[in-house]
């Protein structure tokens, strides 16, 4: 997988494994105890979550979520890389605040324009919200770029579980 070329902040992928879901889950349970010092592996039903241990974790460290889907003679593994949940929640909260302010000041600008009043302040705030949106995206891309080596580590761990 090449996350550097992806525009998505939370890259998704899909791979196939010849192993059954139960075999993959057993392998994950075995690796969970072996690699406890470096990684945290959570198993919930047919979902696997890979995290870095607290010692190796940085604020930009990614996690990997795998969803296992059984088919006739293979297993489809759907993966999602994402930032730490707390960071993602804060990031989404900021997006909602920016979007809310953008909408409110857009409505105010339309109202002021229709009443032939000055819309300078409204346009300034709308412009700042657009700049802030772009800034949020750039910051998220920078953090994702910092986490790419760790993404590859988690990808290697995934293939250990699937082999």
Protein backbone atom coordinates (compact mmCIF):
# COMPACT_ATOMS: atom_id res chain seq x y z
CA UNK A 1 0.00 0.00 0.00
CA UNK A 2 1.23 3.49 -0.82
CA UNK A 3 -0.41 6.00 1.53
CA UNK A 4 1.76 8.86 0.23
CA UNK A 5 -0.16 8.83 -3.07
CA UNK A 6 -3.59 8.70 -1.44
CA UNK A 7 -5.54 11.90 -0.95
CA UNK A 8 -7.70 10.29 1.75
CA UNK A 9 -6.67 11.02 5.32
CA UNK A 10 -7.81 7.55 6.39
CA UNK A 11 -6.61 5.18 3.64
CA UNK A 12 -8.63 2.01 3.03
CA UNK A 13 -7.58 -1.21 1.35
CA UNK A 14 -8.73 -4.76 0.73
CA UNK A 15 -6.71 -8.00 0.57
CA UNK A 16 -7.54 -11.67 0.32
CA UNK A 17 -6.27 -14.48 2.51
CA UNK A 18 -6.52 -18.21 1.89
CA UNK A 19 -6.90 -18.77 5.64
CA UNK A 20 -10.27 -18.97 7.34
CA UNK A 21 -11.47 -16.29 9.73
CA UNK A 22 -10.91 -18.61 12.71
CA UNK A 23 -7.31 -19.33 11.66
CA UNK A 24 -6.60 -15.61 11.33
CA UNK A 25 -8.14 -14.89 14.74
CA UNK A 26 -6.08 -17.68 16.35
CA UNK A 27 -2.89 -16.30 14.79
CA UNK A 28 -3.80 -12.82 16.05
CA UNK A 29 -4.33 -14.16 19.59
CA UNK A 30 -0.93 -15.86 19.45
CA UNK A 31 0.83 -12.72 18.20
CA UNK A 32 -1.02 -10.61 20.77
CA UNK A 33 0.85 -12.31 23.59
CA UNK A 34 4.18 -12.52 21.71
CA UNK A 35 4.32 -8.85 20.69
CA UNK A 36 2.77 -7.32 23.80
CA UNK A 37 5.74 -5.02 24.41
CA UNK A 38 5.57 -3.38 20.95
CA UNK A 39 1.93 -3.59 19.88
CA UNK A 40 -1.57 -3.79 21.27
CA UNK A 41 -3.93 -6.08 19.40
CA UNK A 42 -7.62 -5.95 20.18
CA UNK A 43 -9.94 -8.67 18.90
CA UNK A 44 -13.67 -7.97 18.84
CA UNK A 45 -15.74 -10.57 17.00
CA UNK A 46 -14.38 -10.51 13.43
CA UNK A 47 -12.56 -7.21 13.82
CA UNK A 48 -8.88 -6.73 14.62
CA UNK A 49 -7.38 -3.48 15.86
CA UNK A 50 -3.62 -2.94 15.83
CA UNK A 51 -2.11 -0.14 17.94
CA UNK A 52 1.39 0.75 19.02
CA UNK A 53 2.30 0.25 22.64
CA UNK A 54 2.24 3.34 24.84
CA UNK A 55 6.05 3.54 24.75
CA UNK A 56 6.18 3.67 20.93
CA UNK A 57 3.06 5.76 20.41
CA UNK A 58 3.30 9.37 19.25
CA UNK A 59 0.45 11.82 18.77
CA UNK A 60 0.47 11.07 15.02
CA UNK A 61 0.73 7.28 15.40
CA UNK A 62 -1.81 5.45 13.28
CA UNK A 63 -3.90 2.43 14.13
CA UNK A 64 -5.07 -0.30 11.79
CA UNK A 65 -8.58 -1.72 11.80
CA UNK A 66 -9.19 -5.00 9.96
CA UNK A 67 -12.62 -6.43 9.22
CA UNK A 68 -12.65 -10.11 8.31
CA UNK A 69 -15.34 -11.38 5.93
CA UNK A 70 -15.56 -15.12 5.28
CA UNK A 71 -16.17 -16.33 1.75
CA UNK A 72 -16.22 -19.86 0.30
CA UNK A 73 -12.54 -20.75 0.35
CA UNK A 74 -10.95 -17.46 1.38
CA UNK A 75 -11.27 -14.49 3.68
CA UNK A 76 -11.65 -10.91 2.51
CA UNK A 77 -9.76 -8.53 4.78
CA UNK A 78 -10.89 -4.90 4.66
CA UNK A 79 -8.44 -2.52 6.28
CA UNK A 80 -8.55 1.06 7.42
CA UNK A 81 -5.63 3.14 8.66
CA UNK A 82 -6.58 6.01 10.89
CA UNK A 83 -5.16 8.43 13.41
CA UNK A 84 -5.56 8.00 17.14
CA UNK A 85 -9.28 8.19 18.00
CA UNK A 86 -8.91 11.18 20.33
CA UNK A 87 -7.00 13.12 17.67
CA UNK A 88 -9.57 12.19 14.99
CA UNK A 89 -12.44 13.27 17.27
CA UNK A 90 -10.78 16.65 17.91
CA UNK A 91 -10.07 17.01 14.19
CA UNK A 92 -13.72 16.31 13.29
CA UNK A 93 -14.95 18.67 16.03
CA UNK A 94 -12.82 21.47 14.55
CA UNK A 95 -14.24 20.72 11.11
CA UNK A 96 -17.80 20.98 12.42
CA UNK A 97 -17.02 24.28 14.15
CA UNK A 98 -15.46 25.68 10.98
CA UNK A 99 -18.36 24.44 8.85
CA UNK A 100 -20.89 25.89 11.30
CA UNK A 101 -19.22 29.29 11.32
CA UNK A 102 -18.94 29.20 7.54
CA UNK A 103 -22.68 28.53 7.18
CA UNK A 104 -23.72 31.10 9.79
CA UNK A 105 -21.61 33.87 8.27
CA UNK A 106 -22.72 32.89 4.75
CA UNK A 107 -26.35 33.35 5.82
CA UNK A 108 -25.45 36.62 7.54
CA UNK A 109 -23.65 37.81 4.41
CA UNK A 110 -26.69 37.01 2.27
CA UNK A 111 -28.98 38.79 4.74
CA UNK A 112 -26.73 41.86 4.89
CA UNK A 113 -26.40 41.89 1.10
CA UNK A 114 -30.17 41.65 0.58
CA UNK A 115 -30.63 44.55 3.07
CA UNK A 116 -27.93 46.60 1.25
CA UNK A 117 -25.69 46.58 4.33
CA UNK A 118 -21.94 46.06 4.49
CA UNK A 119 -20.81 42.45 4.06
CA UNK A 120 -17.09 43.07 4.59
CA UNK A 121 -16.90 41.40 8.03
CA UNK A 122 -18.95 38.43 6.81
CA UNK A 123 -16.73 37.89 3.78
CA UNK A 124 -13.61 38.17 5.95
CA UNK A 125 -14.88 35.50 8.35
CA UNK A 126 -15.99 33.25 5.45
CA UNK A 127 -12.54 33.62 3.88
CA UNK A 128 -10.85 32.82 7.19
CA UNK A 129 -12.96 29.67 7.53
CA UNK A 130 -11.90 28.52 4.05
CA UNK A 131 -8.26 29.18 4.94
CA UNK A 132 -8.72 27.33 8.24
CA UNK A 133 -10.26 24.35 6.39
CA UNK A 134 -7.26 24.21 4.09
CA UNK A 135 -4.92 24.56 7.08
CA UNK A 136 -6.66 21.67 8.89
CA UNK A 137 -6.22 19.47 5.83
CA UNK A 138 -2.53 20.40 5.46
CA UNK A 139 -1.88 19.69 9.15
CA UNK A 140 -3.64 16.32 8.84
CA UNK A 141 -1.54 15.46 5.76
CA UNK A 142 1.68 16.39 7.58
CA UNK A 143 0.72 14.22 10.54
CA UNK A 144 -0.17 11.34 8.22
CA UNK A 145 3.20 11.68 6.46
CA UNK A 146 4.93 11.47 9.84
CA UNK A 147 2.99 8.29 10.56
CA UNK A 148 3.75 6.52 7.24
CA UNK A 149 6.70 4.50 8.61
CA UNK A 150 4.48 3.29 11.43
CA UNK A 151 1.74 2.49 8.91
CA UNK A 152 4.18 0.20 7.14
CA UNK A 153 5.04 -1.45 10.48
CA UNK A 154 1.35 -2.12 11.11
CA UNK A 155 1.00 -3.43 7.57
CA UNK A 156 3.86 -5.89 8.19
CA UNK A 157 2.16 -6.96 11.41
CA UNK A 158 -1.05 -7.52 9.46
CA UNK A 159 0.74 -9.79 6.99
CA UNK A 160 2.23 -11.75 9.91
CA UNK A 161 -1.31 -12.37 11.11
CA UNK A 162 -2.52 -13.32 7.62
CA UNK A 163 0.39 -15.66 6.72
